[in-house]
Amino acid sequence: MMSSASWSRPHRPHRPVRAGATVVAALLGLCCVGVAGLGVWNVQAVRQADAPVRATADAFLTEVTAGDADAAYRRLCAPARSRWSPIGFAAWVRTPPVLTGHQITDVSVATRDGRPTGTVTVRLTRDGGAAEQRDLPVVKEDGGWRVCGDPF
């Protein structure tokens, strides 16, 4: 015969520590994924910014090396063009020892006073074989990048 008492499940103690640890682990995993995603996004943003800065410096130095002072002059920022006339710049480009080659070794992009700027570290080779390392400043101006300062 059956007893009139109904069957009930034995009482299990609640495990708040296990539930809390599971939630913390899930949140930590989500944070790690977020940080990794942010890191990838930052690397892509920097590389996208580096490319036009590198291209501007490379084109400028290629034009100087080829003796195309007019084209190189057009790549200068407004303050640099105000210090150099096209004729003065062309004479300076052609003054020995002239530039015969270049190799870009580093590119960095930053924001200063809300304005994007870049620095291109370049190894310059001059006629006679002399080589030197210089930092070429590049600034964002009129929607494009321009070489600024005394380029070399």
Protein backbone atom coordinates (compact mmCIF):
# COMPACT_ATOMS: atom_id res chain seq x y z
CA MET A 1 0.00 0.00 0.00
CA MET A 2 1.16 3.48 -0.70
CA SER A 3 1.70 5.98 1.90
CA SER A 4 -0.24 9.15 1.72
CA ALA A 5 2.86 11.27 1.92
CA SER A 6 3.84 12.56 -1.46
CA TRP A 7 7.29 12.11 -2.82
CA SER A 8 9.50 15.20 -2.93
CA ARG A 9 12.91 15.74 -4.32
CA PRO A 10 15.67 15.94 -1.76
CA HIS A 11 16.76 19.49 -1.01
CA ARG A 12 19.91 20.52 -2.94
CA PRO A 13 21.87 23.43 -1.62
CA HIS A 14 22.14 26.40 -3.98
CA ARG A 15 25.57 26.97 -5.39
CA PRO A 16 25.90 30.75 -5.76
CA VAL A 17 29.70 30.57 -6.00
CA ARG A 18 29.55 28.28 -9.04
CA ALA A 19 26.94 30.47 -10.76
CA GLY A 20 28.95 33.62 -9.99
CA ALA A 21 32.15 32.04 -11.30
CA THR A 22 30.38 31.05 -14.52
CA VAL A 23 29.10 34.60 -15.04
CA VAL A 24 32.53 36.10 -14.29
CA ALA A 25 34.20 33.67 -16.71
CA ALA A 26 31.70 34.54 -19.44
CA LEU A 27 32.23 38.28 -18.91
CA LEU A 28 36.00 37.86 -18.86
CA GLY A 29 35.84 35.92 -22.13
CA LEU A 30 33.67 38.64 -23.68
CA CYS A 31 36.13 41.32 -22.54
CA CYS A 32 39.06 39.39 -24.05
CA VAL A 33 37.24 39.11 -27.37
CA GLY A 34 36.46 42.84 -27.23
CA VAL A 35 40.05 43.81 -26.44
CA ALA A 36 41.36 41.58 -29.22
CA GLY A 37 38.88 43.09 -31.67
CA LEU A 38 39.86 46.61 -30.61
CA GLY A 39 43.53 45.73 -31.06
CA VAL A 40 42.93 44.45 -34.58
CA TRP A 41 40.90 47.56 -35.42
CA ASN A 42 43.71 49.83 -34.12
CA VAL A 43 46.34 47.99 -36.16
CA GLN A 44 44.23 48.34 -39.30
CA ALA A 45 43.60 52.04 -38.62
CA VAL A 46 47.32 52.70 -38.13
CA ARG A 47 48.27 50.77 -41.26
CA GLN A 48 45.66 52.63 -43.28
CA ALA A 49 47.08 55.93 -41.98
CA ASP A 50 50.68 54.80 -42.57
CA ALA A 51 50.14 53.95 -46.24
CA PRO A 52 49.38 57.47 -47.55
CA VAL A 53 52.12 59.00 -45.39
CA ARG A 54 54.63 56.46 -46.74
CA ALA A 55 53.42 57.01 -50.32
CA THR A 56 53.74 60.80 -50.01
CA ALA A 57 57.30 60.62 -48.67
CA ASP A 58 58.30 57.98 -51.23
CA ALA A 59 56.90 59.99 -54.15
CA PHE A 60 58.54 63.18 -52.91
CA LEU A 61 61.96 61.56 -52.51
CA THR A 62 61.64 59.73 -55.84
CA GLU A 63 60.94 63.07 -57.55
CA VAL A 64 63.90 64.72 -55.81
CA THR A 65 66.16 61.83 -56.80
CA ALA A 66 64.96 62.10 -60.43
CA GLY A 67 65.65 65.84 -60.39
CA ASP A 68 61.95 66.73 -60.79
CA ALA A 69 62.04 69.66 -58.37
CA ASP A 70 58.76 71.12 -59.67
CA ALA A 71 56.77 67.98 -58.83
CA ALA A 72 58.54 67.62 -55.46
CA TYR A 73 57.83 71.28 -54.66
CA ARG A 74 54.09 70.69 -55.18
CA ARG A 75 54.25 68.03 -52.43
CA LEU A 76 55.49 70.55 -49.85
CA CYS A 77 53.11 71.94 -47.21
CA ALA A 78 52.12 75.62 -47.31
CA PRO A 79 54.59 76.73 -44.58
CA ALA A 80 57.48 75.01 -46.41
CA ARG A 81 56.43 76.58 -49.74
CA SER A 82 56.35 79.99 -48.01
CA ARG A 83 60.01 79.51 -46.97
CA TRP A 84 61.13 78.23 -50.37
CA SER A 85 60.44 79.70 -53.77
CA PRO A 86 60.16 77.15 -56.59
CA ILE A 87 63.49 78.40 -58.01
CA GLY A 88 65.23 78.33 -54.62
CA PHE A 89 63.93 74.84 -53.92
CA ALA A 90 65.09 73.59 -57.34
CA ALA A 91 68.55 75.06 -56.74
CA TRP A 92 68.70 73.44 -53.32
CA VAL A 93 67.68 70.04 -54.75
CA ARG A 94 70.46 70.30 -57.35
CA THR A 95 73.15 71.42 -54.89
CA PRO A 96 75.83 68.72 -54.44
CA PRO A 97 75.90 66.23 -52.94
CA VAL A 98 72.62 65.45 -54.65
CA LEU A 99 70.26 62.75 -53.51
CA THR A 100 70.70 59.52 -55.47
CA GLY A 101 68.50 57.11 -53.51
CA HIS A 102 66.38 56.55 -50.44
CA GLN A 103 65.02 53.78 -48.27
CA ILE A 104 62.09 54.27 -45.90
CA THR A 105 62.87 52.53 -42.62
CA ASP A 106 59.93 53.60 -40.42
CA VAL A 107 56.63 55.45 -40.56
CA SER A 108 54.74 56.79 -37.56
CA VAL A 109 51.44 58.66 -37.50
CA ALA A 110 50.08 60.66 -34.57
CA THR A 111 47.67 63.46 -33.84
CA ARG A 112 49.07 66.70 -32.45
CA ASP A 113 46.72 69.48 -31.41
CA GLY A 114 43.93 67.68 -33.24
CA ARG A 115 45.90 67.60 -36.50
CA PRO A 116 47.22 64.35 -38.00
CA THR A 117 50.97 64.32 -38.53
CA GLY A 118 53.43 61.71 -39.68
CA THR A 119 57.13 61.15 -39.42
CA VAL A 120 58.93 59.08 -42.02
CA THR A 121 62.38 57.89 -41.06
CA VAL A 122 64.41 57.52 -44.22
CA ARG A 123 67.94 56.56 -45.14
CA LEU A 124 69.18 58.95 -47.81
CA THR A 125 72.02 58.12 -50.20
CA ARG A 126 73.90 60.93 -51.90
CA ASP A 127 76.25 60.95 -54.85
CA GLY A 128 79.62 59.68 -53.76
CA GLY A 129 77.94 57.00 -51.62
CA ALA A 130 77.47 58.99 -48.41
CA ALA A 131 74.38 57.90 -46.49
CA GLU A 132 72.50 59.48 -43.63
CA GLN A 133 69.29 58.92 -41.72
CA ARG A 134 66.68 61.68 -41.54
CA ASP A 135 63.17 62.17 -40.23
CA LEU A 136 60.84 63.58 -42.85
CA PRO A 137 57.82 65.38 -41.33
CA VAL A 138 54.52 64.90 -43.16
CA VAL A 139 51.26 66.72 -42.34
CA LYS A 140 47.64 66.46 -43.44
CA GLU A 141 46.76 69.55 -45.47
CA ASP A 142 43.87 70.27 -47.84
CA GLY A 143 42.69 66.66 -47.71
CA GLY A 144 46.09 65.20 -48.61
CA TRP A 145 49.47 64.54 -47.05
CA ARG A 146 52.34 66.96 -47.63
CA VAL A 147 56.02 67.03 -46.72
CA CYS A 148 56.63 69.81 -44.21
CA GLY A 149 59.72 71.37 -42.68
CA ASP A 150 63.14 71.20 -44.27
CA PRO A 151 62.86 67.82 -45.94
CA PHE A 152 66.53 66.85 -46.03
